[in-house]
């Protein structure tokens, strides 16, 4: 029974990661659209396509990493408070943080952020500096 519940929770986690991936990609796509002139100006001043892609990948990693860190911190806090409120009258609840699993979640978040940055970065790098500066 516990194995089935673990599989269900893992499936829900996979769906949540997929939704987060779409959210990060959407945020980066909007960022690319809003900063078309800025990106084009940087390209006109000498920024290469790969450097632009790297800049957007770094932005995606920062978004996903900060979200994973805040989510992990809040999850630990709420989990401990929930366990304390449910079991505090029976026993002392001591938080036991699975650091290895949290590191794995952070790594998956960073990789998901990198994957989410591919399409917006490709769109931003394809636009020529002249066309981007001419857009209003």
Protein backbone atom coordinates (compact mmCIF):
# COMPACT_ATOMS: atom_id res chain seq x y z
CA UNK A 1 0.00 0.00 0.00
CA UNK A 2 2.81 2.42 0.87
CA UNK A 3 4.60 1.62 -2.40
CA UNK A 4 1.47 2.50 -4.37
CA UNK A 5 1.10 5.77 -2.50
CA UNK A 6 4.77 6.54 -3.13
CA UNK A 7 4.28 5.94 -6.85
CA UNK A 8 1.24 8.22 -6.89
CA UNK A 9 3.14 10.99 -5.11
CA UNK A 10 6.08 10.54 -7.49
CA UNK A 11 3.71 10.81 -10.44
CA UNK A 12 2.21 13.98 -9.01
CA UNK A 13 5.72 15.36 -8.53
CA UNK A 14 6.53 14.62 -12.18
CA UNK A 15 3.40 16.48 -13.28
CA UNK A 16 4.34 19.41 -11.03
CA UNK A 17 7.82 19.52 -12.60
CA UNK A 18 6.24 19.54 -16.06
CA UNK A 19 3.95 22.41 -15.08
CA UNK A 20 6.89 24.30 -13.59
CA UNK A 21 8.86 23.74 -16.80
CA UNK A 22 6.05 25.28 -18.84
CA UNK A 23 5.84 28.18 -16.37
CA UNK A 24 9.56 28.95 -16.59
CA UNK A 25 9.47 28.70 -20.39
CA UNK A 26 6.47 31.04 -20.46
CA UNK A 27 8.22 33.54 -18.18
CA UNK A 28 11.35 33.48 -20.33
CA UNK A 29 9.32 33.82 -23.54
CA UNK A 30 7.62 36.91 -22.17
CA UNK A 31 10.98 38.22 -21.03
CA UNK A 32 12.41 37.73 -24.51
CA UNK A 33 9.45 39.52 -26.09
CA UNK A 34 9.63 42.45 -23.67
CA UNK A 35 13.38 42.84 -23.99
CA UNK A 36 13.71 42.47 -27.75
CA UNK A 37 15.31 45.89 -28.18
CA UNK A 38 17.64 45.36 -25.23
CA UNK A 39 18.83 42.01 -26.59
CA UNK A 40 19.25 43.48 -30.05
CA UNK A 41 21.23 46.41 -28.67
CA UNK A 42 23.51 44.01 -26.80
CA UNK A 43 23.95 41.99 -30.00
CA UNK A 44 24.73 45.18 -31.94
CA UNK A 45 27.35 46.08 -29.33
CA UNK A 46 29.14 42.76 -29.77
CA UNK A 47 27.28 40.10 -27.74
CA UNK A 48 27.38 36.82 -29.62
CA UNK A 49 24.42 34.48 -30.11
CA UNK A 50 25.95 31.97 -27.72
CA UNK A 51 26.46 34.62 -25.07
CA UNK A 52 22.82 35.67 -25.43
CA UNK A 53 21.71 32.06 -25.09
CA UNK A 54 23.95 31.72 -22.03
CA UNK A 55 22.48 34.85 -20.49
CA UNK A 56 18.95 33.50 -20.89
CA UNK A 57 20.01 30.06 -19.61
CA UNK A 58 21.49 31.69 -16.52
CA UNK A 59 18.26 33.61 -15.99
CA UNK A 60 16.28 30.36 -16.23
CA UNK A 61 18.62 28.59 -13.80
CA UNK A 62 18.27 31.45 -11.33
CA UNK A 63 14.46 31.40 -11.58
CA UNK A 64 14.27 27.63 -11.16
CA UNK A 65 16.96 27.45 -8.46
CA UNK A 66 15.50 30.20 -6.30
CA UNK A 67 12.03 28.69 -6.67
CA UNK A 68 13.35 25.25 -5.66
CA UNK A 69 15.20 26.67 -2.65
CA UNK A 70 12.22 28.68 -1.43
CA UNK A 71 9.87 25.75 -2.05
CA UNK A 72 12.15 23.35 -0.20
CA UNK A 73 12.53 25.70 2.74
CA UNK A 74 8.80 26.29 2.99
CA UNK A 75 8.11 22.57 2.55
CA UNK A 76 10.45 21.71 5.41
CA UNK A 77 8.92 24.38 7.63
CA UNK A 78 5.30 23.48 6.86
CA UNK A 79 6.02 19.76 7.10
CA UNK A 80 7.61 20.18 10.50
CA UNK A 81 4.81 22.46 11.73
CA UNK A 82 2.17 20.05 10.43
CA UNK A 83 3.83 17.07 12.09
CA UNK A 84 4.24 19.09 15.28
CA UNK A 85 0.56 20.03 15.33
CA UNK A 86 -0.59 16.47 14.57
CA UNK A 87 1.87 14.52 16.72
CA UNK A 88 3.17 17.11 19.19
CA UNK A 89 0.91 15.95 22.01
CA UNK A 90 2.11 12.34 21.68
CA UNK A 91 5.82 12.72 21.07
CA UNK A 92 8.53 15.27 20.37
CA UNK A 93 8.83 15.98 16.67
CA UNK A 94 12.39 16.50 15.51
CA UNK A 95 12.88 17.57 11.90
CA UNK A 96 14.97 15.18 9.84
CA UNK A 97 15.84 16.81 6.53
CA UNK A 98 16.76 14.45 3.65
CA UNK A 99 19.63 16.54 2.29
CA UNK A 100 20.50 14.15 -0.52
CA UNK A 101 16.94 14.14 -1.85
CA UNK A 102 16.76 17.93 -1.57
CA UNK A 103 19.99 18.19 -3.56
CA UNK A 104 18.46 15.90 -6.20
CA UNK A 105 15.34 18.10 -6.36
CA UNK A 106 17.51 21.19 -6.77
CA UNK A 107 19.51 19.49 -9.53
CA UNK A 108 16.32 18.48 -11.36
CA UNK A 109 15.03 22.06 -11.02
CA UNK A 110 18.24 23.46 -12.51
CA UNK A 111 18.15 21.00 -15.42
CA UNK A 112 14.45 21.76 -15.98
CA UNK A 113 15.27 25.47 -16.03
CA UNK A 114 17.96 24.88 -18.63
CA UNK A 115 15.57 22.85 -20.76
CA UNK A 116 12.92 25.53 -20.46
CA UNK A 117 15.35 28.18 -21.71
CA UNK A 118 16.14 26.44 -25.00
CA UNK A 119 13.19 27.66 -27.08
CA UNK A 120 13.11 31.29 -25.85
CA UNK A 121 16.89 31.55 -26.24
CA UNK A 122 16.68 30.18 -29.77
CA UNK A 123 14.05 32.77 -30.66
CA UNK A 124 16.10 35.60 -29.17
CA UNK A 125 19.30 34.49 -30.90
CA UNK A 126 17.66 34.13 -34.32
CA UNK A 127 16.46 37.73 -34.39
CA UNK A 128 18.92 39.99 -36.15
CA UNK A 129 20.05 43.09 -34.25
CA UNK A 130 18.69 45.44 -36.94
CA UNK A 131 15.20 43.87 -36.91
CA UNK A 132 15.13 43.87 -33.12
CA UNK A 133 16.13 47.51 -32.83
CA UNK A 134 13.52 48.47 -35.44
CA UNK A 135 10.69 46.77 -33.53
CA UNK A 136 8.66 49.01 -31.29
